[in-house]
Amino acid sequence: MRSFELNIFIDRPRNEVYDHLSEPINMIGLQPYLTTIDILKEQKDTNGVLLRPFYMLETHRWAGLPIFRSKVYTVISLTDPKKQLTIRRYTRGGTQIAYHYEFHQIEEGRTHLIQKTDFEKVNKVFENIVFNRANQSQRGLLTNLKVRLEKQ
C-alpha cells in the first residue's frame, strides 16, 4: 500500500503538542473538511492502550458549495503517551487510513512532529483521489496545529 511522511517543527514543548493532538475536540479547526464531531466514551484495548473514538462529518466542497458529505469513524490510540499516537480513520466505503505521529523534543520548548500515513485498505478505483485528499488534509492539519499552538 502507498504511504507518505510529513514533518513540521512547532515552537511549543512536546507534551503540549501531544496533549493538543490527542484530544478529539481539538480536531475542530484542525481538520480542513470537518464540520461536525460526536465524541464517544474513552476505552482501553486488550493491550491497555487508551482509545479515544469519535465520529466526524466531513463536508467536501466545490466552488464553495457542499457536494459530498462523509461520516468517518475515527479512533485516537495513545500508543506511547507523550511520544507517539496513532489516528485511524474508517469510512463507509471500506477505506482505512492510519496516521502515525511521533513527537520529538529537539530543543527546550521546540517539537519536531513526524507524521506517517499508511493506507491500510483503499478501493483501487479511488486510490489516487483518497491519496491526494489525505495528503492535502494532513498538510492542512499540521499547518493549522502549528498556527494554533504558536499563537498561544
Protein backbone atom coordinates (compact mmCIF):
# COMPACT_ATOMS: atom_id res chain seq x y z
CA MET A 1 0.00 0.00 0.00
CA ARG A 2 1.01 3.59 -0.51
CA SER A 3 2.22 5.86 2.25
CA PHE A 4 3.76 9.28 2.80
CA GLU A 5 5.54 11.18 5.55
CA LEU A 6 5.29 14.82 6.63
CA ASN A 7 7.49 16.75 9.08
CA ILE A 8 6.89 20.00 10.91
CA PHE A 9 8.65 21.96 13.64
CA ILE A 10 6.45 23.62 16.26
CA ASP A 11 7.78 26.17 18.76
CA ARG A 12 5.99 24.57 21.73
CA PRO A 13 7.01 21.83 24.21
CA ARG A 14 6.42 18.22 23.14
CA ASN A 15 3.89 17.49 25.90
CA GLU A 16 1.76 20.46 24.90
CA VAL A 17 1.70 19.43 21.23
CA TYR A 18 0.92 15.82 22.15
CA ASP A 19 -1.87 16.78 24.57
CA HIS A 20 -3.48 19.03 21.98
CA LEU A 21 -3.45 16.46 19.18
CA SER A 22 -4.60 13.60 21.43
CA GLU A 23 -7.96 15.24 22.29
CA PRO A 24 -10.76 14.67 19.74
CA ILE A 25 -12.43 18.03 20.49
CA ASN A 26 -9.29 19.81 19.25
CA MET A 27 -9.83 18.40 15.74
CA ILE A 28 -12.35 21.20 15.24
CA GLY A 29 -10.45 23.80 13.24
CA LEU A 30 -7.54 21.44 12.55
CA GLN A 31 -9.18 19.09 10.04
CA PRO A 32 -9.96 21.09 6.88
CA TYR A 33 -13.15 19.20 5.92
CA LEU A 34 -14.55 18.61 9.43
CA THR A 35 -17.98 20.14 10.01
CA THR A 36 -19.43 18.10 12.92
CA ILE A 37 -17.93 15.91 15.65
CA ASP A 38 -19.53 13.37 18.01
CA ILE A 39 -17.13 12.21 20.74
CA LEU A 40 -17.68 8.72 22.15
CA LYS A 41 -16.62 7.22 25.50
CA GLU A 42 -12.90 6.52 26.08
CA GLN A 43 -11.93 2.84 26.09
CA LYS A 44 -8.88 0.63 26.50
CA ASP A 45 -7.86 -2.09 24.09
CA THR A 46 -6.64 -5.56 25.09
CA ASN A 47 -3.06 -4.24 25.47
CA GLY A 48 -4.16 -1.45 27.81
CA VAL A 49 -3.74 1.31 25.21
CA LEU A 50 -6.16 4.21 25.75
CA LEU A 51 -8.54 4.72 22.81
CA ARG A 52 -10.48 7.92 22.11
CA PRO A 53 -13.13 7.16 19.46
CA PHE A 54 -15.33 9.71 17.74
CA TYR A 55 -17.44 10.25 14.64
CA MET A 56 -16.87 13.23 12.40
CA LEU A 57 -18.79 14.53 9.45
CA GLU A 58 -16.64 15.82 6.62
CA THR A 59 -18.08 18.14 4.01
CA HIS A 60 -16.30 18.32 0.67
CA ARG A 61 -16.92 21.48 -1.31
CA TRP A 62 -16.52 22.63 -4.88
CA ALA A 63 -16.68 26.37 -5.61
CA GLY A 64 -17.86 26.88 -2.02
CA LEU A 65 -20.87 24.61 -2.40
CA PRO A 66 -21.15 21.35 -0.45
CA ILE A 67 -21.10 18.46 -2.93
CA PHE A 68 -20.40 15.45 -0.71
CA ARG A 69 -20.71 14.60 2.98
CA SER A 70 -18.92 11.67 4.56
CA LYS A 71 -19.33 10.25 8.07
CA VAL A 72 -15.99 8.96 9.34
CA TYR A 73 -15.35 6.79 12.41
CA THR A 74 -12.03 7.82 13.91
CA VAL A 75 -10.02 6.39 16.81
CA ILE A 76 -7.07 8.09 18.51
CA SER A 77 -4.79 5.46 20.09
CA LEU A 78 -2.37 6.75 22.71
CA THR A 79 0.24 4.09 21.89
CA ASP A 80 3.19 5.65 23.75
CA PRO A 81 1.96 8.60 25.84
CA LYS A 82 3.79 11.90 25.22
CA LYS A 83 5.89 10.30 22.42
CA GLN A 84 3.61 8.59 19.87
CA LEU A 85 -0.03 8.30 18.93
CA THR A 86 -1.98 6.80 16.06
CA ILE A 87 -5.17 8.11 14.50
CA ARG A 88 -7.13 5.55 12.47
CA ARG A 89 -9.97 6.55 10.14
CA TYR A 90 -12.66 4.17 8.89
CA THR A 91 -15.07 5.29 6.16
CA ARG A 92 -18.26 3.67 4.88
CA GLY A 93 -16.59 2.75 1.60
CA GLY A 94 -14.23 0.46 3.50
CA THR A 95 -11.25 2.81 3.36
CA GLN A 96 -8.90 2.51 6.35
CA ILE A 97 -6.09 5.00 6.88
CA ALA A 98 -3.63 5.11 9.79
CA TYR A 99 -1.82 8.32 10.73
CA HIS A 100 1.18 7.67 12.99
CA TYR A 101 2.57 10.66 14.88
CA GLU A 102 5.98 10.81 16.56
CA PHE A 103 6.80 13.71 18.88
CA HIS A 104 10.48 14.63 19.39
CA GLN A 105 11.69 17.36 21.74
CA ILE A 106 14.63 18.90 19.83
CA GLU A 107 15.31 21.99 21.88
CA GLU A 108 13.78 23.37 25.03
CA GLY A 109 10.30 24.42 24.03
CA ARG A 110 10.50 23.11 20.44
CA THR A 111 8.96 19.96 18.95
CA HIS A 112 9.70 18.02 15.77
CA LEU A 113 6.50 16.26 14.72
CA ILE A 114 6.77 13.41 12.21
CA GLN A 115 3.52 12.19 10.69
CA LYS A 116 3.45 8.95 8.67
CA THR A 117 0.34 8.00 6.74
CA ASP A 118 -0.37 4.36 5.84
CA PHE A 119 -3.24 3.43 3.56
CA GLU A 120 -4.30 0.12 5.08
CA LYS A 121 -7.32 -0.51 2.88
CA VAL A 122 -8.34 1.55 -0.16
CA ASN A 123 -10.50 0.77 -3.17
CA LYS A 124 -8.20 0.73 -6.23
CA VAL A 125 -10.67 2.84 -8.23
CA PHE A 126 -10.45 5.71 -5.73
CA GLU A 127 -6.83 5.25 -4.61
CA ASN A 128 -5.40 8.40 -6.23
CA ILE A 129 -8.29 10.58 -5.05
CA VAL A 130 -8.01 9.25 -1.48
CA PHE A 131 -4.22 9.69 -1.51
CA ASN A 132 -4.43 13.30 -2.72
CA ARG A 133 -7.23 14.20 -0.27
CA ALA A 134 -5.36 12.62 2.65
CA ASN A 135 -2.15 14.43 1.74
CA GLN A 136 -3.97 17.75 1.41
CA SER A 137 -5.91 17.16 4.64
CA GLN A 138 -2.80 16.27 6.66
CA ARG A 139 -0.83 19.24 5.36
CA GLY A 140 -3.74 21.43 6.45
CA LEU A 141 -3.95 19.73 9.85
CA LEU A 142 -0.24 20.19 10.58
CA THR A 143 -0.25 23.80 9.40
CA ASN A 144 -3.34 24.61 11.47
CA LEU A 145 -1.82 22.87 14.51
CA LYS A 146 1.38 24.90 14.21
CA VAL A 147 -0.50 28.19 13.83
CA ARG A 148 -2.87 27.42 16.72
CA LEU A 149 -0.17 26.36 19.19
CA GLU A 150 2.39 29.04 18.35
CA LYS A 151 -0.25 31.75 18.64
CA GLN A 152 -0.89 30.89 22.32
